[in-house]
């Protein structure tokens, strides 16, 4: 039984075969998923998908790349939708310094507002980080995000920052890159993170794991992530599946 903690079944790439994709995941043992919405188009669809399947949940937030487009109206909208019983986290949110659509100061402001909203709602957060680790950690500390905790989604840094994240009550989630032959960092992290703070994800349709790298990712492939982590930690696949699923239940507050 696997839990894909971060998937974008609400992406346009799944428009024509979403139901078949979900069935393939169930057939592969991926019983639970969290569909993450991050803008006007994907947030309502995340909730719609979660409503349609008992074991699929939703997260709602605003992506840092599009921070420039977020107003207080969007924040109020997210707050209202977050009260839905199938919404289990606020996010994804954070900082993305790779793309230059939204200025850094705007991204930081929107990030802080979403952390404060999550604290108000007493909900955990999901962090998107691209080339902005030190600023993200600083903001999380300043906003006392430890109060609610969160997930470092698709963690791509070295082990250097893991302890900072753990100290703030965060979980480390690993995806397809842990299977890449030329990616030593996620492999080191997979062996370093305490088992009770480890999560797995696909980030589908992005970052498909080996041997499907470069193709469309899908939630069934989270099994490949679990298998690689089991190999790296010299554990059984069954144990990694059970541990990461229990961790996801605990993090999302699922009974």
Protein backbone atom coordinates (compact mmCIF):
# COMPACT_ATOMS: atom_id res chain seq x y z
CA UNK A 1 0.00 0.00 0.00
CA UNK A 2 1.63 3.23 -1.20
CA UNK A 3 0.83 6.93 -0.74
CA UNK A 4 1.85 9.35 -3.51
CA UNK A 5 1.96 12.53 -1.42
CA UNK A 6 2.30 14.97 -4.35
CA UNK A 7 0.71 14.42 -7.74
CA UNK A 8 -0.83 16.73 -10.33
CA UNK A 9 -3.64 14.59 -11.73
CA UNK A 10 -5.27 17.99 -12.32
CA UNK A 11 -2.65 18.83 -14.97
CA UNK A 12 -3.62 19.12 -18.63
CA UNK A 13 -1.36 16.14 -19.42
CA UNK A 14 -3.98 13.87 -17.82
CA UNK A 15 -7.00 15.45 -19.50
CA UNK A 16 -7.70 12.50 -21.79
CA UNK A 17 -6.91 9.52 -19.56
CA UNK A 18 -7.17 10.63 -15.93
CA UNK A 19 -9.46 7.78 -14.84
CA UNK A 20 -7.25 5.17 -16.52
CA UNK A 21 -4.17 6.72 -14.90
CA UNK A 22 -5.78 6.54 -11.47
CA UNK A 23 -6.82 2.92 -12.06
CA UNK A 24 -3.24 2.01 -13.07
CA UNK A 25 -2.05 3.55 -9.80
CA UNK A 26 -4.57 1.54 -7.77
CA UNK A 27 -3.54 -1.62 -9.66
CA UNK A 28 0.12 -0.91 -8.77
CA UNK A 29 -0.72 -0.68 -5.08
CA UNK A 30 -0.81 3.12 -4.92
CA UNK A 31 -3.96 3.33 -2.80
CA UNK A 32 -3.61 6.92 -1.57
CA UNK A 33 -2.73 10.18 -3.32
CA UNK A 34 -2.74 13.90 -2.62
CA UNK A 35 -3.55 16.01 -5.68
CA UNK A 36 -1.95 19.44 -5.40
CA UNK A 37 -3.61 22.55 -6.83
CA UNK A 38 -1.63 25.75 -7.30
CA UNK A 39 -3.61 28.24 -9.43
CA UNK A 40 -7.11 29.18 -10.64
CA UNK A 41 -7.34 26.21 -12.98
CA UNK A 42 -5.83 23.40 -10.89
CA UNK A 43 -7.19 24.13 -7.39
CA UNK A 44 -10.92 23.44 -8.10
CA UNK A 45 -9.97 20.37 -10.13
CA UNK A 46 -7.84 18.98 -7.28
CA UNK A 47 -10.87 19.12 -5.01
CA UNK A 48 -13.15 17.67 -7.70
CA UNK A 49 -10.85 14.65 -8.13
CA UNK A 50 -10.59 14.18 -4.35
CA UNK A 51 -14.37 14.23 -4.06
CA UNK A 52 -14.66 11.48 -6.67
CA UNK A 53 -12.32 8.98 -4.96
CA UNK A 54 -12.41 7.95 -1.31
CA UNK A 55 -8.61 7.56 -0.97
CA UNK A 56 -7.56 10.67 -2.91
CA UNK A 57 -7.06 13.98 -1.09
CA UNK A 58 -6.32 17.55 -2.15
CA UNK A 59 -3.96 20.38 -1.22
CA UNK A 60 -4.62 24.00 -2.20
CA UNK A 61 -2.10 26.83 -2.48
CA UNK A 62 -0.49 29.32 -4.84
CA UNK A 63 2.65 28.53 -6.82
CA UNK A 64 5.59 30.94 -6.39
CA UNK A 65 6.14 31.27 -10.15
CA UNK A 66 2.68 32.86 -10.34
CA UNK A 67 3.01 34.93 -7.15
CA UNK A 68 2.68 38.12 -9.21
CA UNK A 69 -0.91 37.09 -10.05
CA UNK A 70 -2.04 36.52 -6.47
CA UNK A 71 -4.17 39.09 -4.67
CA UNK A 72 -6.00 39.07 -1.34
CA UNK A 73 -9.01 37.79 -3.29
CA UNK A 74 -7.10 34.59 -4.16
CA UNK A 75 -5.94 34.23 -0.57
CA UNK A 76 -9.53 34.47 0.69
CA UNK A 77 -10.58 31.94 -1.96
CA UNK A 78 -7.91 29.46 -0.82
CA UNK A 79 -8.95 29.96 2.80
CA UNK A 80 -12.56 29.12 1.94
CA UNK A 81 -11.66 26.04 -0.12
CA UNK A 82 -9.25 24.81 2.56
CA UNK A 83 -12.25 24.12 4.79
CA UNK A 84 -13.36 21.32 2.46
CA UNK A 85 -13.13 17.95 4.28
CA UNK A 86 -10.90 16.42 1.59
CA UNK A 87 -8.34 19.26 1.70
CA UNK A 88 -5.45 18.15 3.91
CA UNK A 89 -2.73 20.79 3.41
CA UNK A 90 -1.98 24.30 2.13
CA UNK A 91 0.38 24.38 -0.83
CA UNK A 92 2.26 24.11 -2.86
CA UNK A 93 3.89 27.39 -1.87
CA UNK A 94 7.44 28.64 -1.56
CA UNK A 95 10.08 30.28 -3.73
CA UNK A 96 11.26 29.60 -7.28
CA UNK A 97 14.34 31.54 -8.40
CA UNK A 98 14.74 29.57 -11.64
CA UNK A 99 11.98 31.36 -13.53
CA UNK A 100 11.73 35.15 -13.48
CA UNK A 101 7.99 35.72 -13.93
CA UNK A 102 7.49 36.88 -10.32
CA UNK A 103 10.03 39.14 -8.55
CA UNK A 104 11.67 37.67 -5.47
CA UNK A 105 10.14 40.21 -3.08
CA UNK A 106 6.65 39.41 -4.42
CA UNK A 107 7.27 35.67 -4.05
CA UNK A 108 8.43 36.15 -0.46
CA UNK A 109 5.38 38.22 0.42
CA UNK A 110 2.96 35.65 -1.04
CA UNK A 111 4.89 32.84 0.69
CA UNK A 112 4.59 34.56 4.08
CA UNK A 113 0.88 35.23 3.59
CA UNK A 114 0.22 31.57 2.86
CA UNK A 115 2.21 30.40 5.89
CA UNK A 116 0.16 32.76 8.07
CA UNK A 117 -3.05 31.47 6.52
CA UNK A 118 -2.03 27.87 7.21
CA UNK A 119 -1.24 28.75 10.82
CA UNK A 120 -4.63 30.42 11.14
CA UNK A 121 -6.29 27.27 9.78
CA UNK A 122 -3.95 24.97 11.75
CA UNK A 123 -3.02 23.07 8.58
CA UNK A 124 0.38 21.80 7.43
CA UNK A 125 2.10 23.24 4.37
CA UNK A 126 3.76 21.88 1.22
CA UNK A 127 6.93 23.66 0.11
CA UNK A 128 8.08 24.21 -3.47
CA UNK A 129 11.77 25.16 -3.56
CA UNK A 130 13.84 25.86 -6.63
CA UNK A 131 17.26 27.44 -6.13
CA UNK A 132 16.05 29.28 -3.00
CA UNK A 133 16.84 27.02 -0.05
CA UNK A 134 18.42 29.51 2.35
CA UNK A 135 15.69 32.11 1.83
CA UNK A 136 12.99 29.46 2.32
CA UNK A 137 14.51 28.22 5.58
CA UNK A 138 14.92 31.78 6.83
CA UNK A 139 11.27 32.64 6.09
CA UNK A 140 10.00 29.40 7.64
CA UNK A 141 11.95 30.19 10.81
CA UNK A 142 10.82 33.83 10.92
CA UNK A 143 7.19 32.84 10.43
CA UNK A 144 7.49 30.05 13.02
CA UNK A 145 6.24 27.45 10.55
CA UNK A 146 7.35 24.83 13.06
CA UNK A 147 3.92 25.37 14.65
CA UNK A 148 2.20 23.59 11.78
CA UNK A 149 5.00 21.65 10.07
CA UNK A 150 5.14 20.72 6.44
CA UNK A 151 6.66 18.78 3.58
CA UNK A 152 9.79 19.69 1.66
CA UNK A 153 8.30 18.48 -1.62
CA UNK A 154 10.62 16.73 -4.07
CA UNK A 155 13.63 17.59 -1.90
CA UNK A 156 16.61 18.29 -4.16
CA UNK A 157 19.25 19.71 -1.82
CA UNK A 158 22.13 18.02 -0.05
CA UNK A 159 21.89 16.58 3.45
CA UNK A 160 23.31 19.91 4.65
CA UNK A 161 19.83 21.42 5.07
CA UNK A 162 17.92 18.33 6.21
CA UNK A 163 18.43 18.93 9.93
CA UNK A 164 17.12 22.50 9.62
CA UNK A 165 13.97 21.07 8.05
CA UNK A 166 13.58 18.34 10.65
CA UNK A 167 14.02 20.87 13.47
CA UNK A 168 11.09 22.83 12.05
CA UNK A 169 8.80 19.80 12.15
CA UNK A 170 9.08 19.12 8.40
CA UNK A 171 9.03 15.87 6.48
CA UNK A 172 11.34 15.17 3.52
CA UNK A 173 9.65 13.87 0.39
CA UNK A 174 11.60 12.18 -2.40
CA UNK A 175 10.50 11.54 -5.95
CA UNK A 176 11.82 10.36 -9.30
CA UNK A 177 15.30 11.97 -9.05
CA UNK A 178 16.30 9.46 -6.34
CA UNK A 179 16.27 6.85 -9.14
CA UNK A 180 18.37 8.87 -11.61
CA UNK A 181 21.81 7.38 -12.27
CA UNK A 182 23.53 10.78 -12.24
CA UNK A 183 21.85 12.15 -9.09
CA UNK A 184 23.93 11.46 -5.95
CA UNK A 185 22.27 14.07 -3.69
CA UNK A 186 18.79 12.53 -3.36
CA UNK A 187 20.40 9.12 -2.81
CA UNK A 188 22.42 10.52 0.11
CA UNK A 189 19.29 12.18 1.50
CA UNK A 190 17.30 8.92 1.16
CA UNK A 191 19.81 7.23 3.42
CA UNK A 192 20.10 10.14 5.88
CA UNK A 193 16.49 11.13 6.64
CA UNK A 194 15.04 9.47 9.77
CA UNK A 195 12.49 6.88 8.72
CA UNK A 196 9.67 8.61 10.60
CA UNK A 197 10.12 11.78 8.50
CA UNK A 198 10.38 10.19 5.06
CA UNK A 199 7.69 10.54 2.38
CA UNK A 200 7.51 9.54 -1.28
CA UNK A 201 5.89 11.22 -4.27
CA UNK A 202 5.87 11.41 -8.05
CA UNK A 203 5.15 15.09 -8.81
CA UNK A 204 3.51 13.56 -11.88
CA UNK A 205 3.34 14.42 -14.74
CA UNK A 206 6.87 15.72 -14.09
CA UNK A 207 10.15 14.02 -13.09
CA UNK A 208 9.37 10.45 -14.11
CA UNK A 209 11.69 7.95 -12.40
CA UNK A 210 14.16 5.69 -14.19
CA UNK A 211 13.55 3.79 -16.50
CA UNK A 212 10.76 6.14 -17.62
CA UNK A 213 12.82 9.32 -17.35
CA UNK A 214 11.80 11.89 -19.96
CA UNK A 215 8.33 10.44 -20.37
CA UNK A 216 5.10 11.55 -18.69
CA UNK A 217 5.20 10.59 -15.03
CA UNK A 218 2.17 9.04 -13.33
CA UNK A 219 1.30 8.00 -9.76
CA UNK A 220 1.80 4.27 -10.42
CA UNK A 221 5.52 5.04 -10.76
CA UNK A 222 5.85 6.00 -7.08
CA UNK A 223 6.49 2.27 -6.62
CA UNK A 224 9.83 2.75 -8.39
CA UNK A 225 10.74 5.48 -5.90
CA UNK A 226 9.88 3.22 -2.95
CA UNK A 227 11.90 0.36 -4.46
CA UNK A 228 14.99 2.52 -4.94
CA UNK A 229 14.83 3.92 -1.38
CA UNK A 230 14.44 0.38 -0.02
CA UNK A 231 17.54 -0.66 -1.97
CA UNK A 232 19.54 2.36 -0.75
CA UNK A 233 18.58 1.74 2.88
CA UNK A 234 19.02 -2.03 2.64
CA UNK A 235 15.41 -2.53 3.67
CA UNK A 236 12.48 -4.40 2.17
CA UNK A 237 10.16 -2.65 -0.26
CA UNK A 238 7.24 -3.70 1.96
CA UNK A 239 8.74 -1.95 4.99
CA UNK A 240 9.41 1.29 3.09
CA UNK A 241 5.86 1.20 1.70
CA UNK A 242 4.34 0.72 5.13
CA UNK A 243 6.50 3.33 6.85
CA UNK A 244 6.04 6.08 4.25
CA UNK A 245 2.29 5.46 4.08
CA UNK A 246 1.94 5.68 7.87
CA UNK A 247 4.02 8.87 7.82
CA UNK A 248 1.69 10.37 5.20
CA UNK A 249 -1.39 9.47 7.27
CA UNK A 250 0.18 11.16 10.30
CA UNK A 251 1.27 14.24 8.37
CA UNK A 252 -2.08 14.79 6.63
CA UNK A 253 -4.10 13.88 9.71
CA UNK A 254 -5.88 11.00 7.96
CA UNK A 255 -7.49 8.43 10.23
